[in-house]
Every structure is written in C-alpha cells, then in structure tokens.
Amino acid sequence: MLAVPDFSATTDLYQVVTNVYEMGIIPLELKNLVPLVTATLLPFVPVALMAVPLDVLLAQLAKFLL
C-alpha cells in the first residue's frame, strides 16, 4: 500500500479500519434506547390513567414519595 504513489487509497483504508474499530458489538446504546422506549410507552399513559382511578393513583404516589 505504501509503495503506491497515490496514497489516498491508504488514507481511505485507514478510515475504514478506524470505523471498524469504533463499531460496537451491539448497535444500540442506552442514550439511543431511552427515547425509543419513551416514545413507545407514551401512548399507553392515557389508557393507564383511565384504568386506574385518580384517588388510587394519588395514594400510591403519596406512599411512594413519603
């Protein structure tokens, strides 16, 4: 590779190798997973609030906080 007068191929090779070393085993990270889970569970909040009475919800929240 180094004997070639045009070393742009070598630079491209180094960029490919750098990208391979930066890759993770699992393509998901926690910072990317949190918005996905939030957006997935957000539509269920109104359904859960309709299923559980407000006084029970507030009682559980008070028990949790105090």
PDB file of N, CA and C in Angstrom:
ATOM      1  N   MET A   1       0.804  -1.185   0.000  1.00  0.00           N
ATOM      2  CA  MET A   1       0.000   0.000   0.000  1.00  0.00           C
ATOM      3  C   MET A   1       0.857   1.263   0.000  1.00  0.00           C
ATOM      4  N   LEU A   2       1.940   1.245   0.760  1.00  0.00           N
ATOM      5  CA  LEU A   2       2.749   2.447   0.874  1.00  0.00           C
ATOM      6  C   LEU A   2       3.602   2.699  -0.376  1.00  0.00           C
ATOM      7  N   ALA A   3       3.774   1.694  -1.220  1.00  0.00           N
ATOM      8  CA  ALA A   3       4.582   1.865  -2.429  1.00  0.00           C
ATOM      9  C   ALA A   3       3.811   2.589  -3.529  1.00  0.00           C
ATOM     10  N   VAL A   4       2.525   2.706  -3.396  1.00  0.00           N
ATOM     11  CA  VAL A   4       1.700   3.364  -4.403  1.00  0.00           C
ATOM     12  C   VAL A   4       1.908   4.870  -4.283  1.00  0.00           C
ATOM     13  N   PRO A   5       2.178   5.560  -5.413  1.00  0.00           N
ATOM     14  CA  PRO A   5       2.408   6.999  -5.329  1.00  0.00           C
ATOM     15  C   PRO A   5       1.176   7.786  -4.863  1.00  0.00           C
ATOM     16  N   ASP A   6      -0.013   7.295  -5.182  1.00  0.00           N
ATOM     17  CA  ASP A   6      -1.236   7.964  -4.736  1.00  0.00           C
ATOM     18  C   ASP A   6      -1.654   7.330  -3.412  1.00  0.00           C
ATOM     19  N   PHE A   7      -1.391   8.023  -2.328  1.00  0.00           N
ATOM     20  CA  PHE A   7      -1.675   7.425  -1.027  1.00  0.00           C
ATOM     21  C   PHE A   7      -3.075   7.746  -0.530  1.00  0.00           C
ATOM     22  N   SER A   8      -3.963   8.204  -1.402  1.00  0.00           N
ATOM     23  CA  SER A   8      -5.348   8.421  -0.973  1.00  0.00           C
ATOM     24  C   SER A   8      -6.030   7.086  -0.677  1.00  0.00           C
ATOM     25  N   ALA A   9      -5.587   6.016  -1.365  1.00  0.00           N
ATOM     26  CA  ALA A   9      -6.130   4.691  -1.071  1.00  0.00           C
ATOM     27  C   ALA A   9      -5.742   4.256   0.332  1.00  0.00           C
ATOM     28  N   THR A  10      -4.537   4.597   0.746  1.00  0.00           N
ATOM     29  CA  THR A  10      -4.100   4.280   2.105  1.00  0.00           C
ATOM     30  C   THR A  10      -4.910   5.065   3.124  1.00  0.00           C
ATOM     31  N   THR A  11      -5.181   6.314   2.835  1.00  0.00           N
ATOM     32  CA  THR A  11      -5.992   7.131   3.730  1.00  0.00           C
ATOM     33  C   THR A  11      -7.397   6.556   3.839  1.00  0.00           C
ATOM     34  N   ASP A  12      -7.963   6.141   2.711  1.00  0.00           N
ATOM     35  CA  ASP A  12      -9.285   5.516   2.731  1.00  0.00           C
ATOM     36  C   ASP A  12      -9.273   4.235   3.549  1.00  0.00           C
ATOM     37  N   LEU A  13      -8.202   3.458   3.404  1.00  0.00           N
ATOM     38  CA  LEU A  13      -8.086   2.221   4.171  1.00  0.00           C
ATOM     39  C   LEU A  13      -8.026   2.510   5.665  1.00  0.00           C
ATOM     40  N   TYR A  14      -7.275   3.520   6.069  1.00  0.00           N
ATOM     41  CA  TYR A  14      -7.193   3.889   7.483  1.00  0.00           C
ATOM     42  C   TYR A  14      -8.550   4.351   8.011  1.00  0.00           C
ATOM     43  N   GLN A  15      -9.324   5.060   7.199  1.00  0.00           N
ATOM     44  CA  GLN A  15     -10.652   5.495   7.632  1.00  0.00           C
ATOM     45  C   GLN A  15     -11.580   4.313   7.824  1.00  0.00           C
ATOM     46  N   VAL A  16     -11.488   3.329   6.933  1.00  0.00           N
ATOM     47  CA  VAL A  16     -12.319   2.128   7.067  1.00  0.00           C
ATOM     48  C   VAL A  16     -11.932   1.359   8.320  1.00  0.00           C
ATOM     49  N   VAL A  17     -10.650   1.208   8.551  1.00  0.00           N
ATOM     50  CA  VAL A  17     -10.180   0.483   9.742  1.00  0.00           C
ATOM     51  C   VAL A  17     -10.594   1.221  11.007  1.00  0.00           C
ATOM     52  N   THR A  18     -10.523   2.547  11.006  1.00  0.00           N
ATOM     53  CA  THR A  18     -10.946   3.333  12.169  1.00  0.00           C
ATOM     54  C   THR A  18     -12.433   3.135  12.434  1.00  0.00           C
ATOM     55  N   ASN A  19     -13.239   3.134  11.385  1.00  0.00           N
ATOM     56  CA  ASN A  19     -14.674   2.910  11.559  1.00  0.00           C
ATOM     57  C   ASN A  19     -14.967   1.519  12.110  1.00  0.00           C
ATOM     58  N   VAL A  20     -14.214   0.535  11.687  1.00  0.00           N
ATOM     59  CA  VAL A  20     -14.415  -0.829  12.189  1.00  0.00           C
ATOM     60  C   VAL A  20     -14.067  -0.893  13.672  1.00  0.00           C
ATOM     61  N   TYR A  21     -12.990  -0.238  14.085  1.00  0.00           N
ATOM     62  CA  TYR A  21     -12.615  -0.255  15.495  1.00  0.00           C
ATOM     63  C   TYR A  21     -13.615   0.508  16.364  1.00  0.00           C
ATOM     64  N   GLU A  22     -14.296   1.510  15.814  1.00  0.00           N
ATOM     65  CA  GLU A  22     -15.262   2.282  16.583  1.00  0.00           C
ATOM     66  C   GLU A  22     -16.619   1.601  16.688  1.00  0.00           C
ATOM     67  N   MET A  23     -16.851   0.577  15.887  1.00  0.00           N
ATOM     68  CA  MET A  23     -18.137  -0.122  15.928  1.00  0.00           C
ATOM     69  C   MET A  23     -18.279  -0.895  17.227  1.00  0.00           C
ATOM     70  N   GLY A  24     -19.506  -0.967  17.716  1.00  0.00           N
ATOM     71  CA  GLY A  24     -19.777  -1.750  18.908  1.00  0.00           C
ATOM     72  C   GLY A  24     -20.310  -3.125  18.528  1.00  0.00           C
ATOM     73  N   ILE A  25     -20.356  -4.003  19.515  1.00  0.00           N
ATOM     74  CA  ILE A  25     -20.877  -5.345  19.273  1.00  0.00           C
ATOM     75  C   ILE A  25     -22.384  -5.284  19.054  1.00  0.00           C
ATOM     76  N   ILE A  26     -23.057  -4.483  19.885  1.00  0.00           N
ATOM     77  CA  ILE A  26     -24.499  -4.287  19.765  1.00  0.00           C
ATOM     78  C   ILE A  26     -24.719  -2.878  19.229  1.00  0.00           C
ATOM     79  N   PRO A  27     -25.527  -2.725  18.186  1.00  0.00           N
ATOM     80  CA  PRO A  27     -25.667  -1.401  17.574  1.00  0.00           C
ATOM     81  C   PRO A  27     -26.543  -0.429  18.362  1.00  0.00           C
ATOM     82  N   LEU A  28     -26.972  -0.791  19.552  1.00  0.00           N
ATOM     83  CA  LEU A  28     -27.792   0.092  20.375  1.00  0.00           C
ATOM     84  C   LEU A  28     -27.016   0.561  21.592  1.00  0.00           C
ATOM     85  N   GLU A  29     -27.178   1.819  21.911  1.00  0.00           N
ATOM     86  CA  GLU A  29     -26.607   2.360  23.139  1.00  0.00           C
ATOM     87  C   GLU A  29     -27.751   2.833  24.021  1.00  0.00           C
ATOM     88  N   LEU A  30     -27.489   2.998  25.282  1.00  0.00           N
ATOM     89  CA  LEU A  30     -28.532   3.385  26.222  1.00  0.00           C
ATOM     90  C   LEU A  30     -29.093   4.758  25.901  1.00  0.00           C
ATOM     91  N   LYS A  31     -28.246   5.681  25.472  1.00  0.00           N
ATOM     92  CA  LYS A  31     -28.719   7.025  25.160  1.00  0.00           C
ATOM     93  C   LYS A  31     -29.642   7.034  23.948  1.00  0.00           C
ATOM     94  N   ASN A  32     -29.539   6.052  23.079  1.00  0.00           N
ATOM     95  CA  ASN A  32     -30.440   5.940  21.938  1.00  0.00           C
ATOM     96  C   ASN A  32     -31.682   5.122  22.264  1.00  0.00           C
ATOM     97  N   LEU A  33     -31.588   4.263  23.266  1.00  0.00           N
ATOM     98  CA  LEU A  33     -32.693   3.383  23.615  1.00  0.00           C
ATOM     99  C   LEU A  33     -33.748   4.089  24.460  1.00  0.00           C
ATOM    100  N   VAL A  34     -33.348   5.050  25.288  1.00  0.00           N
ATOM    101  CA  VAL A  34     -34.286   5.745  26.176  1.00  0.00           C
ATOM    102  C   VAL A  34     -35.354   6.508  25.397  1.00  0.00           C
ATOM    103  N   PRO A  35     -35.030   7.302  24.381  1.00  0.00           N
ATOM    104  CA  PRO A  35     -36.114   7.966  23.628  1.00  0.00           C
ATOM    105  C   PRO A  35     -37.026   6.985  22.894  1.00  0.00           C
ATOM    106  N   LEU A  36     -36.481   5.877  22.437  1.00  0.00           N
ATOM    107  CA  LEU A  36     -37.289   4.878  21.754  1.00  0.00           C
ATOM    108  C   LEU A  36     -38.304   4.254  22.708  1.00  0.00           C
ATOM    109  N   VAL A  37     -37.856   3.892  23.896  1.00  0.00           N
ATOM    110  CA  VAL A  37     -38.763   3.300  24.886  1.00  0.00           C
ATOM    111  C   VAL A  37     -39.791   4.329  25.345  1.00  0.00           C
ATOM    112  N   THR A  38     -39.372   5.573  25.532  1.00  0.00           N
ATOM    113  CA  THR A  38     -40.297   6.624  25.941  1.00  0.00           C
ATOM    114  C   THR A  38     -41.371   6.843  24.883  1.00  0.00           C
ATOM    115  N   ALA A  39     -40.980   6.926  23.642  1.00  0.00           N
ATOM    116  CA  ALA A  39     -41.953   7.129  22.568  1.00  0.00           C
ATOM    117  C   ALA A  39     -42.871   5.923  22.403  1.00  0.00           C
ATOM    118  N   THR A  40     -42.380   4.754  22.722  1.00  0.00           N
ATOM    119  CA  THR A  40     -43.209   3.555  22.625  1.00  0.00           C
ATOM    120  C   THR A  40     -44.237   3.493  23.743  1.00  0.00           C
ATOM    121  N   LEU A  41     -43.854   3.865  24.960  1.00  0.00           N
ATOM    122  CA  LEU A  41     -44.751   3.751  26.109  1.00  0.00           C
ATOM    123  C   LEU A  41     -45.665   4.960  26.297  1.00  0.00           C
ATOM    124  N   LEU A  42     -45.348   6.073  25.684  1.00  0.00           N
ATOM    125  CA  LEU A  42     -46.136   7.291  25.864  1.00  0.00           C
ATOM    126  C   LEU A  42     -47.607   7.142  25.477  1.00  0.00           C
ATOM    127  N   PRO A  43     -47.980   6.442  24.417  1.00  0.00           N
ATOM    128  CA  PRO A  43     -49.414   6.292  24.111  1.00  0.00           C
ATOM    129  C   PRO A  43     -50.193   5.490  25.145  1.00  0.00           C
ATOM    130  N   PHE A  44     -49.519   4.708  25.978  1.00  0.00           N
ATOM    131  CA  PHE A  44     -50.208   3.903  26.969  1.00  0.00           C
ATOM    132  C   PHE A  44     -50.531   4.671  28.249  1.00  0.00           C
ATOM    133  N   VAL A  45     -49.975   5.851  28.410  1.00  0.00           N
ATOM    134  CA  VAL A  45     -50.218   6.642  29.625  1.00  0.00           C
ATOM    135  C   VAL A  45     -51.690   7.014  29.762  1.00  0.00           C
ATOM    136  N   PRO A  46     -52.369   7.535  28.741  1.00  0.00           N
ATOM    137  CA  PRO A  46     -53.801   7.841  28.910  1.00  0.00           C
ATOM    138  C   PRO A  46     -54.649   6.608  29.204  1.00  0.00           C
ATOM    139  N   VAL A  47     -54.303   5.485  28.612  1.00  0.00           N
ATOM    140  CA  VAL A  47     -55.048   4.250  28.871  1.00  0.00           C
ATOM    141  C   VAL A  47     -54.869   3.818  30.322  1.00  0.00           C
ATOM    142  N   ALA A  48     -53.650   3.918  30.829  1.00  0.00           N
ATOM    143  CA  ALA A  48     -53.396   3.563  32.227  1.00  0.00           C
ATOM    144  C   ALA A  48     -54.108   4.520  33.171  1.00  0.00           C
ATOM    145  N   LEU A  49     -54.163   5.794  32.818  1.00  0.00           N
ATOM    146  CA  LEU A  49     -54.865   6.756  33.673  1.00  0.00           C
ATOM    147  C   LEU A  49     -56.369   6.528  33.646  1.00  0.00           C
ATOM    148  N   MET A  50     -56.915   6.018  32.557  1.00  0.00           N
ATOM    149  CA  MET A  50     -58.342   5.705  32.513  1.00  0.00           C
ATOM    150  C   MET A  50     -58.650   4.425  33.277  1.00  0.00           C
ATOM    151  N   ALA A  51     -57.703   3.505  33.343  1.00  0.00           N
ATOM    152  CA  ALA A  51     -57.932   2.218  34.003  1.00  0.00           C
ATOM    153  C   ALA A  51     -57.790   2.315  35.513  1.00  0.00           C
ATOM    154  N   VAL A  52     -56.951   3.212  35.994  1.00  0.00           N
ATOM    155  CA  VAL A  52     -56.704   3.352  37.429  1.00  0.00           C
ATOM    156  C   VAL A  52     -57.382   4.637  37.908  1.00  0.00           C
ATOM    157  N   PRO A  53     -58.207   4.550  38.954  1.00  0.00           N
ATOM    158  CA  PRO A  53     -58.840   5.773  39.466  1.00  0.00           C
ATOM    159  C   PRO A  53     -57.797   6.764  39.985  1.00  0.00           C
ATOM    160  N   LEU A  54     -58.134   8.044  39.876  1.00  0.00           N
ATOM    161  CA  LEU A  54     -57.190   9.092  40.250  1.00  0.00           C
ATOM    162  C   LEU A  54     -56.837   9.051  41.730  1.00  0.00           C
ATOM    163  N   ASP A  55     -57.807   8.755  42.611  1.00  0.00           N
ATOM    164  CA  ASP A  55     -57.504   8.730  44.047  1.00  0.00           C
ATOM    165  C   ASP A  55     -56.539   7.591  44.392  1.00  0.00           C
ATOM    166  N   VAL A  56     -56.675   6.465  43.728  1.00  0.00           N
ATOM    167  CA  VAL A  56     -55.746   5.348  43.952  1.00  0.00           C
ATOM    168  C   VAL A  56     -54.354   5.724  43.453  1.00  0.00           C
ATOM    169  N   LEU A  57     -54.318   6.368  42.307  1.00  0.00           N
ATOM    170  CA  LEU A  57     -53.033   6.790  41.754  1.00  0.00           C
ATOM    171  C   LEU A  57     -52.337   7.792  42.657  1.00  0.00           C
ATOM    172  N   LEU A  58     -53.089   8.766  43.163  1.00  0.00           N
ATOM    173  CA  LEU A  58     -52.502   9.758  44.075  1.00  0.00           C
ATOM    174  C   LEU A  58     -52.081   9.131  45.390  1.00  0.00           C
ATOM    175  N   ALA A  59     -52.854   8.162  45.891  1.00  0.00           N
ATOM    176  CA  ALA A  59     -52.480   7.476  47.131  1.00  0.00           C
ATOM    177  C   ALA A  59     -51.172   6.703  46.951  1.00  0.00           C
ATOM    178  N   GLN A  60     -51.047   6.018  45.829  1.00  0.00           N
ATOM    179  CA  GLN A  60     -49.806   5.275  45.559  1.00  0.00           C
ATOM    180  C   GLN A  60     -48.625   6.226  45.388  1.00  0.00           C
ATOM    181  N   LEU A  61     -48.870   7.363  44.733  1.00  0.00           N
ATOM    182  CA  LEU A  61     -47.808   8.338  44.553  1.00  0.00           C
ATOM    183  C   LEU A  61     -47.385   8.947  45.897  1.00  0.00           C
ATOM    184  N   ALA A  62     -48.340   9.228  46.750  1.00  0.00           N
ATOM    185  CA  ALA A  62     -48.023   9.764  48.085  1.00  0.00           C
ATOM    186  C   ALA A  62     -47.264   8.739  48.913  1.00  0.00           C
ATOM    187  N   LYS A  63     -47.658   7.478  48.819  1.00  0.00           N
ATOM    188  CA  LYS A  63     -46.965   6.419  49.564  1.00  0.00           C
ATOM    189  C   LYS A  63     -45.528   6.268  49.051  1.00  0.00           C
ATOM    190  N   PHE A  64     -45.360   6.445  47.749  1.00  0.00           N
ATOM    191  CA  PHE A  64     -44.036   6.316  47.158  1.00  0.00           C
ATOM    192  C   PHE A  64     -43.134   7.472  47.563  1.00  0.00           C
ATOM    193  N   LEU A  65     -43.673   8.684  47.591  1.00  0.00           N
ATOM    194  CA  LEU A  65     -42.873   9.863  47.903  1.00  0.00           C
ATOM    195  C   LEU A  65     -42.621  10.024  49.403  1.00  0.00           C
ATOM    196  N   LEU A  66     -43.543   9.573  50.222  1.00  0.00           N
ATOM    197  CA  LEU A  66     -43.382   9.764  51.673  1.00  0.00           C
ATOM    198  C   LEU A  66     -42.991   8.515  52.348  1.00  0.00           C
TER     199      LEU A  66
END
